[in-house]
Amino acid sequence: MIEELLPHEVVVVEVHGDDGTEPAPLYAEEAAVVAQAVPKRRREFALVRACARRAMEKLGVPPRPVLPGERGAPVWPAGLVGSMTHCEGYSAAALVRAADLASLGIDAEPHGPLPDGVLDAVSLPGEADRLRRLADEHPEVHWDRLLFSAKESVYKAWFPLTGRWLEFTEADIEVFVDAGDGPPHGGFRAELLVPGPLVGGRRINRFQGRWSVRRGLVATTVTVPHTAD
Protein backbone atom coordinates (compact mmCIF):
# COMPACT_ATOMS: atom_id res chain seq x y z
CA MET A 1 0.00 0.00 0.00
CA ILE A 2 2.67 2.50 1.03
CA GLU A 3 5.09 1.26 -1.63
CA GLU A 4 2.76 2.58 -4.35
CA LEU A 5 3.06 6.09 -2.90
CA LEU A 6 6.85 6.28 -2.97
CA PRO A 7 9.58 6.53 -5.66
CA HIS A 8 10.99 3.27 -6.98
CA GLU A 9 14.29 3.86 -5.15
CA VAL A 10 12.53 3.39 -1.81
CA VAL A 11 12.24 -0.15 -0.43
CA VAL A 12 9.08 -0.82 1.59
CA VAL A 13 8.25 -3.89 3.69
CA GLU A 14 4.71 -4.17 5.07
CA VAL A 15 2.85 -6.58 7.33
CA HIS A 16 -0.96 -6.57 7.15
CA GLY A 17 -3.16 -7.98 9.86
CA ASP A 18 -2.23 -10.28 12.70
CA ASP A 19 -1.89 -13.62 10.96
CA GLY A 20 0.26 -15.19 13.64
CA THR A 21 3.49 -14.05 12.02
CA GLU A 22 6.22 -13.99 14.62
CA PRO A 23 8.67 -11.10 14.34
CA ALA A 24 12.36 -11.78 14.31
CA PRO A 25 13.98 -11.64 17.76
CA LEU A 26 15.00 -8.19 18.90
CA TYR A 27 18.60 -7.23 19.43
CA ALA A 28 19.48 -6.89 23.11
CA GLU A 29 19.60 -3.09 22.83
CA GLU A 30 16.12 -3.03 21.30
CA ALA A 31 14.68 -5.47 23.82
CA ALA A 32 15.89 -3.23 26.63
CA VAL A 33 13.84 -0.33 25.25
CA VAL A 34 10.55 -2.22 25.61
CA ALA A 35 11.44 -4.46 28.56
CA GLN A 36 8.77 -2.84 30.75
CA ALA A 37 6.17 -2.40 27.99
CA VAL A 38 2.93 -4.37 27.72
CA PRO A 39 2.96 -7.39 25.34
CA LYS A 40 1.01 -5.54 22.61
CA ARG A 41 3.54 -2.71 22.57
CA ARG A 42 6.47 -5.14 22.50
CA ARG A 43 4.94 -7.02 19.56
CA GLU A 44 4.32 -3.83 17.56
CA PHE A 45 7.86 -2.66 18.29
CA ALA A 46 9.28 -6.00 17.11
CA LEU A 47 7.09 -6.30 13.99
CA VAL A 48 7.99 -2.90 12.63
CA ARG A 49 11.69 -3.56 13.26
CA ALA A 50 11.39 -6.88 11.48
CA CYS A 51 10.06 -4.88 8.51
CA ALA A 52 13.02 -2.51 8.81
CA ARG A 53 15.54 -5.35 8.83
CA ARG A 54 14.00 -6.97 5.76
CA ALA A 55 14.16 -3.58 4.03
CA MET A 56 17.86 -3.31 4.93
CA GLU A 57 18.47 -6.74 3.42
CA LYS A 58 16.72 -5.68 0.20
CA LEU A 59 19.09 -2.72 0.00
CA GLY A 60 22.08 -5.00 0.57
CA VAL A 61 22.74 -3.63 4.07
CA PRO A 62 23.41 -6.08 6.92
CA PRO A 63 20.50 -5.97 9.40
CA ARG A 64 21.21 -3.85 12.45
CA PRO A 65 19.35 -2.63 15.53
CA VAL A 66 16.97 0.29 15.06
CA LEU A 67 16.93 2.21 18.32
CA PRO A 68 14.75 5.20 19.13
CA GLY A 69 16.76 8.39 19.30
CA GLU A 70 15.76 11.92 20.20
CA ARG A 71 11.97 12.28 20.50
CA GLY A 72 11.65 8.62 19.56
CA ALA A 73 12.81 9.05 15.97
CA PRO A 74 14.49 5.87 14.66
CA VAL A 75 18.26 5.96 14.29
CA TRP A 76 19.22 4.39 10.96
CA PRO A 77 22.57 2.95 9.88
CA ALA A 78 24.90 5.42 8.19
CA GLY A 79 24.01 5.93 4.55
CA LEU A 80 20.30 5.15 4.96
CA VAL A 81 17.21 7.32 5.29
CA GLY A 82 13.97 5.78 6.52
CA SER A 83 10.68 5.91 8.31
CA MET A 84 8.44 3.44 10.13
CA THR A 85 4.77 3.28 11.06
CA HIS A 86 2.41 0.92 12.81
CA CYS A 87 -1.22 0.92 13.82
CA GLU A 88 -3.75 -1.78 14.66
CA GLY A 89 -3.22 -4.60 12.16
CA TYR A 90 -0.49 -2.95 10.10
CA SER A 91 3.27 -2.31 10.27
CA ALA A 92 5.62 -0.90 7.64
CA ALA A 93 9.15 0.37 7.17
CA ALA A 94 10.47 2.38 4.22
CA LEU A 95 14.19 2.75 3.54
CA VAL A 96 16.25 4.42 0.85
CA ARG A 97 19.91 5.23 0.37
CA ALA A 98 20.76 8.70 1.63
CA ALA A 99 22.24 9.51 -1.78
CA ASP A 100 18.76 9.15 -3.34
CA LEU A 101 16.61 11.20 -0.91
CA ALA A 102 17.27 13.79 1.76
CA SER A 103 14.43 12.55 3.95
CA LEU A 104 11.13 10.68 3.95
CA GLY A 105 8.18 10.10 6.22
CA ILE A 106 5.41 7.49 6.20
CA ASP A 107 2.30 7.05 8.31
CA ALA A 108 -0.69 4.70 8.41
CA GLU A 109 -3.85 5.14 10.46
CA PRO A 110 -7.15 3.26 10.77
CA HIS A 111 -9.57 4.78 8.28
CA GLY A 112 -12.09 6.15 10.73
CA PRO A 113 -13.01 9.53 12.20
CA LEU A 114 -10.70 11.17 14.71
CA PRO A 115 -11.85 11.26 18.33
CA ASP A 116 -13.89 14.32 19.27
CA GLY A 117 -11.80 17.44 19.67
CA VAL A 118 -8.66 16.14 17.96
CA LEU A 119 -9.28 17.85 14.61
CA ASP A 120 -9.65 21.24 16.33
CA ALA A 121 -6.34 20.65 18.10
CA VAL A 122 -4.31 19.67 15.01
CA SER A 123 -5.83 21.77 12.19
CA LEU A 124 -5.70 25.35 11.04
CA PRO A 125 -8.93 27.19 10.14
CA GLY A 126 -8.09 27.07 6.43
CA GLU A 127 -7.41 23.35 6.59
CA ALA A 128 -10.73 22.70 8.32
CA ASP A 129 -12.56 24.69 5.63
CA ARG A 130 -10.88 22.71 2.86
CA LEU A 131 -11.71 19.43 4.58
CA ARG A 132 -15.38 20.36 4.70
CA ARG A 133 -15.38 20.99 0.96
CA LEU A 134 -13.62 17.67 0.33
CA ALA A 135 -16.15 15.87 2.53
CA ASP A 136 -18.99 17.30 0.43
CA GLU A 137 -17.36 16.02 -2.77
CA HIS A 138 -15.96 12.73 -1.45
CA PRO A 139 -17.89 11.65 1.66
CA GLU A 140 -16.39 8.16 1.55
CA VAL A 141 -13.06 9.45 2.94
CA HIS A 142 -12.49 10.39 6.58
CA TRP A 143 -10.62 13.59 5.77
CA ASP A 144 -9.89 14.47 9.37
CA ARG A 145 -7.94 11.23 9.80
CA LEU A 146 -6.15 11.79 6.50
CA LEU A 147 -5.05 15.27 7.59
CA PHE A 148 -3.75 13.88 10.88
CA SER A 149 -1.79 11.18 9.04
CA ALA A 150 -0.37 13.70 6.56
CA LYS A 151 0.88 15.86 9.43
CA GLU A 152 2.52 12.81 11.00
CA SER A 153 4.34 12.06 7.72
CA VAL A 154 5.40 15.70 7.43
CA TYR A 155 6.87 15.61 10.92
CA LYS A 156 8.70 12.33 10.29
CA ALA A 157 10.33 13.86 7.20
CA TRP A 158 11.01 17.16 8.99
CA PHE A 159 12.70 15.96 12.16
CA PRO A 160 15.75 14.18 10.65
CA LEU A 161 16.53 17.37 8.71
CA THR A 162 16.13 19.79 11.61
CA GLY A 163 16.29 17.95 14.93
CA ARG A 164 13.42 20.20 16.01
CA TRP A 165 9.82 19.67 17.01
CA LEU A 166 7.14 20.76 14.53
CA GLU A 167 3.74 21.63 15.91
CA PHE A 168 0.65 20.41 14.07
CA THR A 169 -0.28 24.03 13.40
CA GLU A 170 3.13 24.88 11.91
CA ALA A 171 2.37 23.20 8.58
CA ASP A 172 -0.60 24.14 6.40
CA ILE A 173 -1.69 21.13 4.36
CA GLU A 174 -3.77 21.22 1.19
CA VAL A 175 -5.04 17.85 -0.05
CA PHE A 176 -5.74 16.97 -3.68
CA VAL A 177 -7.75 14.08 -5.10
CA ASP A 178 -6.58 12.23 -8.20
CA ALA A 179 -9.24 11.33 -10.73
CA GLY A 180 -9.71 7.76 -11.89
CA ASP A 181 -11.04 4.42 -10.79
CA GLY A 182 -9.97 2.41 -7.78
CA PRO A 183 -9.59 3.35 -4.13
CA PRO A 184 -9.40 7.05 -3.25
CA HIS A 185 -5.91 8.47 -3.65
CA GLY A 186 -4.10 11.71 -4.41
CA GLY A 187 -1.47 14.11 -3.18
CA PHE A 188 -0.97 16.92 -0.73
CA ARG A 189 1.21 19.98 -0.26
CA ALA A 190 2.47 21.08 3.15
CA GLU A 191 3.44 24.74 3.43
CA LEU A 192 5.81 25.16 6.35
CA LEU A 193 4.83 28.12 8.53
CA VAL A 194 8.19 28.21 10.29
CA PRO A 195 11.66 28.40 8.69
CA GLY A 196 12.18 25.13 6.86
CA PRO A 197 15.26 22.93 6.70
CA LEU A 198 18.26 23.58 4.52
CA VAL A 199 18.62 20.90 1.84
CA GLY A 200 21.49 21.16 -0.60
CA GLY A 201 22.16 24.69 0.59
CA ARG A 202 18.57 25.80 -0.14
CA ARG A 203 15.77 26.56 2.29
CA ILE A 204 12.80 24.22 1.88
CA ASN A 205 9.47 25.95 2.45
CA ARG A 206 7.12 23.12 1.51
CA PHE A 207 6.91 19.35 1.43
CA GLN A 208 5.08 17.24 -1.13
CA GLY A 209 3.20 14.09 -0.24
CA ARG A 210 0.95 11.28 -1.48
CA TRP A 211 -2.00 9.49 0.13
CA SER A 212 -4.35 6.59 -0.41
CA VAL A 213 -7.20 4.82 1.35
CA ARG A 214 -7.25 1.03 1.12
CA ARG A 215 -8.00 -2.04 3.21
CA GLY A 216 -9.45 -0.03 6.06
CA LEU A 217 -6.37 2.20 6.35
CA VAL A 218 -5.32 5.67 5.31
CA ALA A 219 -1.66 5.91 4.33
CA THR A 220 0.43 9.02 3.68
CA THR A 221 4.00 9.58 2.57
CA VAL A 222 6.35 12.55 2.21
CA THR A 223 9.63 12.54 0.28
CA VAL A 224 12.23 15.30 0.33
CA PRO A 225 14.60 15.27 -2.65
CA HIS A 226 18.10 16.65 -2.46
CA THR A 227 17.24 19.28 -5.06
CA ALA A 228 14.26 21.43 -4.18
CA ASP A 229 11.64 22.33 -6.76
C-alpha atoms as a PDB file:
ATOM      1  CA  MET A   1       0.000   0.000   0.000  1.00  0.00           C
ATOM      2  CA  ILE A   2       2.671   2.505   1.027  1.00  0.00           C
ATOM      3  CA  GLU A   3       5.087   1.261  -1.628  1.00  0.00           C
ATOM      4  CA  GLU A   4       2.758   2.583  -4.348  1.00  0.00           C
ATOM      5  CA  LEU A   5       3.063   6.088  -2.897  1.00  0.00           C
ATOM      6  CA  LEU A   6       6.851   6.283  -2.972  1.00  0.00           C
ATOM      7  CA  PRO A   7       9.577   6.530  -5.656  1.00  0.00           C
ATOM      8  CA  HIS A   8      10.994   3.268  -6.976  1.00  0.00           C
ATOM      9  CA  GLU A   9      14.288   3.858  -5.148  1.00  0.00           C
ATOM     10  CA  VAL A  10      12.529   3.387  -1.806  1.00  0.00           C
ATOM     11  CA  VAL A  11      12.242  -0.150  -0.430  1.00  0.00           C
ATOM     12  CA  VAL A  12       9.082  -0.823   1.586  1.00  0.00           C
ATOM     13  CA  VAL A  13       8.247  -3.885   3.694  1.00  0.00           C
ATOM     14  CA  GLU A  14       4.712  -4.168   5.067  1.00  0.00           C
ATOM     15  CA  VAL A  15       2.846  -6.577   7.328  1.00  0.00           C
ATOM     16  CA  HIS A  16      -0.957  -6.569   7.153  1.00  0.00           C
ATOM     17  CA  GLY A  17      -3.156  -7.978   9.860  1.00  0.00           C
ATOM     18  CA  ASP A  18      -2.227 -10.279  12.697  1.00  0.00           C
ATOM     19  CA  ASP A  19      -1.893 -13.623  10.959  1.00  0.00           C
ATOM     20  CA  GLY A  20       0.261 -15.192  13.641  1.00  0.00           C
ATOM     21  CA  THR A  21       3.491 -14.049  12.018  1.00  0.00           C
ATOM     22  CA  GLU A  22       6.218 -13.990  14.622  1.00  0.00           C
ATOM     23  CA  PRO A  23       8.668 -11.098  14.344  1.00  0.00           C
ATOM     24  CA  ALA A  24      12.365 -11.775  14.308  1.00  0.00           C
ATOM     25  CA  PRO A  25      13.981 -11.638  17.762  1.00  0.00           C
ATOM     26  CA  LEU A  26      14.996  -8.195  18.905  1.00  0.00           C
ATOM     27  CA  TYR A  27      18.600  -7.231  19.433  1.00  0.00           C
ATOM     28  CA  ALA A  28      19.485  -6.887  23.106  1.00  0.00           C
ATOM     29  CA  GLU A  29      19.603  -3.089  22.833  1.00  0.00           C
ATOM     30  CA  GLU A  30      16.124  -3.028  21.302  1.00  0.00           C
ATOM     31  CA  ALA A  31      14.682  -5.469  23.822  1.00  0.00           C
ATOM     32  CA  ALA A  32      15.891  -3.229  26.634  1.00  0.00           C
ATOM     33  CA  VAL A  33      13.839  -0.333  25.246  1.00  0.00           C
ATOM     34  CA  VAL A  34      10.551  -2.223  25.611  1.00  0.00           C
ATOM     35  CA  ALA A  35      11.439  -4.457  28.558  1.00  0.00           C
ATOM     36  CA  GLN A  36       8.768  -2.836  30.745  1.00  0.00           C
ATOM     37  CA  ALA A  37       6.170  -2.401  27.989  1.00  0.00           C
ATOM     38  CA  VAL A  38       2.926  -4.370  27.719  1.00  0.00           C
ATOM     39  CA  PRO A  39       2.962  -7.391  25.339  1.00  0.00           C
ATOM     40  CA  LYS A  40       1.006  -5.543  22.612  1.00  0.00           C
ATOM     41  CA  ARG A  41       3.536  -2.713  22.568  1.00  0.00           C
ATOM     42  CA  ARG A  42       6.469  -5.145  22.498  1.00  0.00           C
ATOM     43  CA  ARG A  43       4.944  -7.024  19.556  1.00  0.00           C
ATOM     44  CA  GLU A  44       4.316  -3.827  17.556  1.00  0.00           C
ATOM     45  CA  PHE A  45       7.862  -2.665  18.293  1.00  0.00           C
ATOM     46  CA  ALA A  46       9.278  -5.998  17.106  1.00  0.00           C
ATOM     47  CA  LEU A  47       7.092  -6.303  13.993  1.00  0.00           C
ATOM     48  CA  VAL A  48       7.991  -2.896  12.634  1.00  0.00           C
ATOM     49  CA  ARG A  49      11.686  -3.563  13.261  1.00  0.00           C
ATOM     50  CA  ALA A  50      11.392  -6.880  11.480  1.00  0.00           C
ATOM     51  CA  CYS A  51      10.064  -4.884   8.514  1.00  0.00           C
ATOM     52  CA  ALA A  52      13.020  -2.508   8.807  1.00  0.00           C
ATOM     53  CA  ARG A  53      15.544  -5.352   8.830  1.00  0.00           C
ATOM     54  CA  ARG A  54      13.999  -6.966   5.765  1.00  0.00           C
ATOM     55  CA  ALA A  55      14.161  -3.578   4.028  1.00  0.00           C
ATOM     56  CA  MET A  56      17.857  -3.313   4.928  1.00  0.00           C
ATOM     57  CA  GLU A  57      18.472  -6.744   3.419  1.00  0.00           C
ATOM     58  CA  LYS A  58      16.723  -5.683   0.202  1.00  0.00           C
ATOM     59  CA  LEU A  59      19.092  -2.722   0.002  1.00  0.00           C
ATOM     60  CA  GLY A  60      22.079  -4.996   0.573  1.00  0.00           C
ATOM     61  CA  VAL A  61      22.743  -3.633   4.066  1.00  0.00           C
ATOM     62  CA  PRO A  62      23.409  -6.083   6.918  1.00  0.00           C
ATOM     63  CA  PRO A  63      20.498  -5.968   9.397  1.00  0.00           C
ATOM     64  CA  ARG A  64      21.213  -3.853  12.454  1.00  0.00           C
ATOM     65  CA  PRO A  65      19.355  -2.627  15.530  1.00  0.00           C
ATOM     66  CA  VAL A  66      16.972   0.289  15.056  1.00  0.00           C
ATOM     67  CA  LEU A  67      16.929   2.206  18.316  1.00  0.00           C
ATOM     68  CA  PRO A  68      14.752   5.199  19.127  1.00  0.00           C
ATOM     69  CA  GLY A  69      16.758   8.390  19.302  1.00  0.00           C
ATOM     70  CA  GLU A  70      15.756  11.924  20.203  1.00  0.00           C
ATOM     71  CA  ARG A  71      11.969  12.283  20.496  1.00  0.00           C
ATOM     72  CA  GLY A  72      11.649   8.618  19.560  1.00  0.00           C
ATOM     73  CA  ALA A  73      12.809   9.045  15.970  1.00  0.00           C
ATOM     74  CA  PRO A  74      14.491   5.867  14.658  1.00  0.00           C
ATOM     75  CA  VAL A  75      18.263   5.964  14.287  1.00  0.00           C
ATOM     76  CA  TRP A  76      19.221   4.391  10.959  1.00  0.00           C
ATOM     77  CA  PRO A  77      22.574   2.947   9.877  1.00  0.00           C
ATOM     78  CA  ALA A  78      24.900   5.422   8.191  1.00  0.00           C
ATOM     79  CA  GLY A  79      24.008   5.935   4.547  1.00  0.00           C
ATOM     80  CA  LEU A  80      20.298   5.153   4.958  1.00  0.00           C
ATOM     81  CA  VAL A  81      17.205   7.317   5.288  1.00  0.00           C
ATOM     82  CA  GLY A  82      13.973   5.780   6.519  1.00  0.00           C
ATOM     83  CA  SER A  83      10.675   5.905   8.311  1.00  0.00           C
ATOM     84  CA  MET A  84       8.439   3.436  10.134  1.00  0.00           C
ATOM     85  CA  THR A  85       4.774   3.277  11.057  1.00  0.00           C
ATOM     86  CA  HIS A  86       2.415   0.924  12.805  1.00  0.00           C
ATOM     87  CA  CYS A  87      -1.217   0.916  13.816  1.00  0.00           C
ATOM     88  CA  GLU A  88      -3.745  -1.777  14.663  1.00  0.00           C
ATOM     89  CA  GLY A  89      -3.219  -4.596  12.161  1.00  0.00           C
ATOM     90  CA  TYR A  90      -0.490  -2.951  10.101  1.00  0.00           C
ATOM     91  CA  SER A  91       3.269  -2.312  10.269  1.00  0.00           C
ATOM     92  CA  ALA A  92       5.617  -0.899   7.637  1.00  0.00           C
ATOM     93  CA  ALA A  93       9.147   0.366   7.172  1.00  0.00           C
ATOM     94  CA  ALA A  94      10.472   2.378   4.222  1.00  0.00           C
ATOM     95  CA  LEU A  95      14.192   2.746   3.535  1.00  0.00           C
ATOM     96  CA  VAL A  96      16.255   4.418   0.853  1.00  0.00           C
ATOM     97  CA  ARG A  97      19.912   5.228   0.373  1.00  0.00           C
ATOM     98  CA  ALA A  98      20.761   8.697   1.629  1.00  0.00           C
ATOM     99  CA  ALA A  99      22.239   9.509  -1.782  1.00  0.00           C
ATOM    100  CA  ASP A 100      18.763   9.154  -3.336  1.00  0.00           C
ATOM    101  CA  LEU A 101      16.606  11.196  -0.913  1.00  0.00           C
ATOM    102  CA  ALA A 102      17.268  13.785   1.762  1.00  0.00           C
ATOM    103  CA  SER A 103      14.429  12.547   3.955  1.00  0.00           C
ATOM    104  CA  LEU A 104      11.133  10.680   3.952  1.00  0.00           C
ATOM    105  CA  GLY A 105       8.176  10.100   6.223  1.00  0.00           C
ATOM    106  CA  ILE A 106       5.412   7.491   6.202  1.00  0.00           C
ATOM    107  CA  ASP A 107       2.299   7.049   8.309  1.00  0.00           C
ATOM    108  CA  ALA A 108      -0.694   4.705   8.409  1.00  0.00           C
ATOM    109  CA  GLU A 109      -3.852   5.136  10.457  1.00  0.00           C
ATOM    110  CA  PRO A 110      -7.146   3.264  10.767  1.00  0.00           C
ATOM    111  CA  HIS A 111      -9.573   4.784   8.278  1.00  0.00           C
ATOM    112  CA  GLY A 112     -12.088   6.151  10.727  1.00  0.00           C
ATOM    113  CA  PRO A 113     -13.011   9.532  12.200  1.00  0.00           C
ATOM    114  CA  LEU A 114     -10.702  11.167  14.708  1.00  0.00           C
ATOM    115  CA  PRO A 115     -11.851  11.260  18.334  1.00  0.00           C
ATOM    116  CA  ASP A 116     -13.890  14.319  19.266  1.00  0.00           C
ATOM    117  CA  GLY A 117     -11.801  17.441  19.673  1.00  0.00           C
ATOM    118  CA  VAL A 118      -8.662  16.142  17.959  1.00  0.00           C
ATOM    119  CA  LEU A 119      -9.279  17.847  14.614  1.00  0.00           C
ATOM    120  CA  ASP A 120      -9.651  21.236  16.330  1.00  0.00           C
ATOM    121  CA  ALA A 121      -6.336  20.651  18.101  1.00  0.00           C
ATOM    122  CA  VAL A 122      -4.313  19.672  15.015  1.00  0.00           C
ATOM    123  CA  SER A 123      -5.826  21.766  12.193  1.00  0.00           C
ATOM    124  CA  LEU A 124      -5.696  25.348  11.045  1.00  0.00           C
ATOM    125  CA  PRO A 125      -8.934  27.186  10.138  1.00  0.00           C
ATOM    126  CA  GLY A 126      -8.095  27.074   6.427  1.00  0.00           C
ATOM    127  CA  GLU A 127      -7.411  23.348   6.588  1.00  0.00           C
ATOM    128  CA  ALA A 128     -10.735  22.698   8.317  1.00  0.00           C
ATOM    129  CA  ASP A 129     -12.556  24.691   5.631  1.00  0.00           C
ATOM    130  CA  ARG A 130     -10.882  22.707   2.863  1.00  0.00           C
ATOM    131  CA  LEU A 131     -11.714  19.429   4.576  1.00  0.00           C
ATOM    132  CA  ARG A 132     -15.385  20.362   4.696  1.00  0.00           C
ATOM    133  CA  ARG A 133     -15.381  20.986   0.955  1.00  0.00           C
ATOM    134  CA  LEU A 134     -13.619  17.674   0.327  1.00  0.00           C
ATOM    135  CA  ALA A 135     -16.149  15.874   2.526  1.00  0.00           C
ATOM    136  CA  ASP A 136     -18.991  17.301   0.430  1.00  0.00           C
ATOM    137  CA  GLU A 137     -17.362  16.024  -2.770  1.00  0.00           C
ATOM    138  CA  HIS A 138     -15.957  12.731  -1.447  1.00  0.00           C
ATOM    139  CA  PRO A 139     -17.888  11.655   1.660  1.00  0.00           C
ATOM    140  CA  GLU A 140     -16.393   8.161   1.546  1.00  0.00           C
ATOM    141  CA  VAL A 141     -13.062   9.453   2.937  1.00  0.00           C
ATOM    142  CA  HIS A 142     -12.490  10.389   6.576  1.00  0.00           C
ATOM    143  CA  TRP A 143     -10.621  13.586   5.766  1.00  0.00           C
ATOM    144  CA  ASP A 144      -9.892  14.470   9.371  1.00  0.00           C
ATOM    145  CA  ARG A 145      -7.945  11.229   9.797  1.00  0.00           C
ATOM    146  CA  LEU A 146      -6.152  11.788   6.504  1.00  0.00           C
ATOM    147  CA  LEU A 147      -5.054  15.266   7.589  1.00  0.00           C
ATOM    148  CA  PHE A 148      -3.754  13.884  10.879  1.00  0.00           C
ATOM    149  CA  SER A 149      -1.790  11.185   9.038  1.00  0.00           C
ATOM    150  CA  ALA A 150      -0.371  13.700   6.563  1.00  0.00           C
ATOM    151  CA  LYS A 151       0.880  15.857   9.435  1.00  0.00           C
ATOM    152  CA  GLU A 152       2.517  12.808  10.998  1.00  0.00           C
ATOM    153  CA  SER A 153       4.335  12.061   7.723  1.00  0.00           C
ATOM    154  CA  VAL A 154       5.403  15.697   7.428  1.00  0.00           C
ATOM    155  CA  TYR A 155       6.867  15.606  10.925  1.00  0.00           C
ATOM    156  CA  LYS A 156       8.701  12.334  10.290  1.00  0.00           C
ATOM    157  CA  ALA A 157      10.334  13.864   7.201  1.00  0.00           C
ATOM    158  CA  TRP A 158      11.008  17.162   8.988  1.00  0.00           C
ATOM    159  CA  PHE A 159      12.695  15.957  12.162  1.00  0.00           C
ATOM    160  CA  PRO A 160      15.750  14.185  10.654  1.00  0.00           C
ATOM    161  CA  LEU A 161      16.528  17.371   8.708  1.00  0.00           C
ATOM    162  CA  THR A 162      16.129  19.791  11.610  1.00  0.00           C
ATOM    163  CA  GLY A 163      16.288  17.947  14.928  1.00  0.00           C
ATOM    164  CA  ARG A 164      13.422  20.197  16.007  1.00  0.00           C
ATOM    165  CA  TRP A 165       9.821  19.668  17.009  1.00  0.00           C
ATOM    166  CA  LEU A 166       7.143  20.761  14.531  1.00  0.00           C
ATOM    167  CA  GLU A 167       3.739  21.631  15.906  1.00  0.00           C
ATOM    168  CA  PHE A 168       0.648  20.407  14.072  1.00  0.00           C
ATOM    169  CA  THR A 169      -0.276  24.025  13.395  1.00  0.00           C
ATOM    170  CA  GLU A 170       3.127  24.883  11.905  1.00  0.00           C
ATOM    171  CA  ALA A 171       2.372  23.201   8.576  1.00  0.00           C
ATOM    172  CA  ASP A 172      -0.605  24.143   6.398  1.00  0.00           C
ATOM    173  CA  ILE A 173      -1.690  21.134   4.362  1.00  0.00           C
ATOM    174  CA  GLU A 174      -3.772  21.217   1.193  1.00  0.00           C
ATOM    175  CA  VAL A 175      -5.037  17.850  -0.046  1.00  0.00           C
ATOM    176  CA  PHE A 176      -5.743  16.969  -3.680  1.00  0.00           C
ATOM    177  CA  VAL A 177      -7.750  14.075  -5.102  1.00  0.00           C
ATOM    178  CA  ASP A 178      -6.580  12.226  -8.197  1.00  0.00           C
ATOM    179  CA  ALA A 179      -9.242  11.328 -10.727  1.00  0.00           C
ATOM    180  CA  GLY A 180      -9.712   7.756 -11.889  1.00  0.00           C
ATOM    181  CA  ASP A 181     -11.039   4.422 -10.794  1.00  0.00           C
ATOM    182  CA  GLY A 182      -9.972   2.412  -7.776  1.00  0.00           C
ATOM    183  CA  PRO A 183      -9.585   3.346  -4.131  1.00  0.00           C
ATOM    184  CA  PRO A 184      -9.397   7.049  -3.252  1.00  0.00           C
ATOM    185  CA  HIS A 185      -5.911   8.474  -3.650  1.00  0.00           C
ATOM    186  CA  GLY A 186      -4.099  11.709  -4.406  1.00  0.00           C
ATOM    187  CA  GLY A 187      -1.473  14.113  -3.182  1.00  0.00           C
ATOM    188  CA  PHE A 188      -0.966  16.924  -0.730  1.00  0.00           C
ATOM    189  CA  ARG A 189       1.211  19.979  -0.258  1.00  0.00           C
ATOM    190  CA  ALA A 190       2.469  21.078   3.151  1.00  0.00           C
ATOM    191  CA  GLU A 191       3.435  24.743   3.433  1.00  0.00           C
ATOM    192  CA  LEU A 192       5.812  25.162   6.347  1.00  0.00           C
ATOM    193  CA  LEU A 193       4.830  28.117   8.529  1.00  0.00           C
ATOM    194  CA  VAL A 194       8.191  28.211  10.287  1.00  0.00           C
ATOM    195  CA  PRO A 195      11.655  28.403   8.687  1.00  0.00           C
ATOM    196  CA  GLY A 196      12.180  25.133   6.860  1.00  0.00           C
ATOM    197  CA  PRO A 197      15.262  22.931   6.703  1.00  0.00           C
ATOM    198  CA  LEU A 198      18.261  23.575   4.515  1.00  0.00           C
ATOM    199  CA  VAL A 199      18.620  20.895   1.840  1.00  0.00           C
ATOM    200  CA  GLY A 200      21.490  21.156  -0.602  1.00  0.00           C
ATOM    201  CA  GLY A 201      22.157  24.689   0.590  1.00  0.00           C
ATOM    202  CA  ARG A 202      18.574  25.798  -0.145  1.00  0.00           C
ATOM    203  CA  ARG A 203      15.770  26.559   2.287  1.00  0.00           C
ATOM    204  CA  ILE A 204      12.799  24.218   1.884  1.00  0.00           C
ATOM    205  CA  ASN A 205       9.468  25.955   2.454  1.00  0.00           C
ATOM    206  CA  ARG A 206       7.124  23.124   1.508  1.00  0.00           C
ATOM    207  CA  PHE A 207       6.906  19.348   1.428  1.00  0.00           C
ATOM    208  CA  GLN A 208       5.082  17.245  -1.134  1.00  0.00           C
ATOM    209  CA  GLY A 209       3.198  14.092  -0.238  1.00  0.00           C
ATOM    210  CA  ARG A 210       0.953  11.283  -1.477  1.00  0.00           C
ATOM    211  CA  TRP A 211      -1.999   9.487   0.130  1.00  0.00           C
ATOM    212  CA  SER A 212      -4.349   6.592  -0.410  1.00  0.00           C
ATOM    213  CA  VAL A 213      -7.198   4.825   1.350  1.00  0.00           C
ATOM    214  CA  ARG A 214      -7.251   1.026   1.118  1.00  0.00           C
ATOM    215  CA  ARG A 215      -7.997  -2.042   3.206  1.00  0.00           C
ATOM    216  CA  GLY A 216      -9.452  -0.026   6.059  1.00  0.00           C
ATOM    217  CA  LEU A 217      -6.373   2.196   6.350  1.00  0.00           C
ATOM    218  CA  VAL A 218      -5.319   5.666   5.307  1.00  0.00           C
ATOM    219  CA  ALA A 219      -1.656   5.913   4.328  1.00  0.00           C
ATOM    220  CA  THR A 220       0.429   9.018   3.680  1.00  0.00           C
ATOM    221  CA  THR A 221       4.000   9.585   2.569  1.00  0.00           C
ATOM    222  CA  VAL A 222       6.351  12.546   2.210  1.00  0.00           C
ATOM    223  CA  THR A 223       9.625  12.544   0.282  1.00  0.00           C
ATOM    224  CA  VAL A 224      12.230  15.303   0.330  1.00  0.00           C
ATOM    225  CA  PRO A 225      14.599  15.269  -2.654  1.00  0.00           C
ATOM    226  CA  HIS A 226      18.102  16.651  -2.456  1.00  0.00           C
ATOM    227  CA  THR A 227      17.238  19.281  -5.062  1.00  0.00           C
ATOM    228  CA  ALA A 228      14.259  21.434  -4.178  1.00  0.00           C
ATOM    229  CA  ASP A 229      11.636  22.334  -6.762  1.00  0.00           C
END
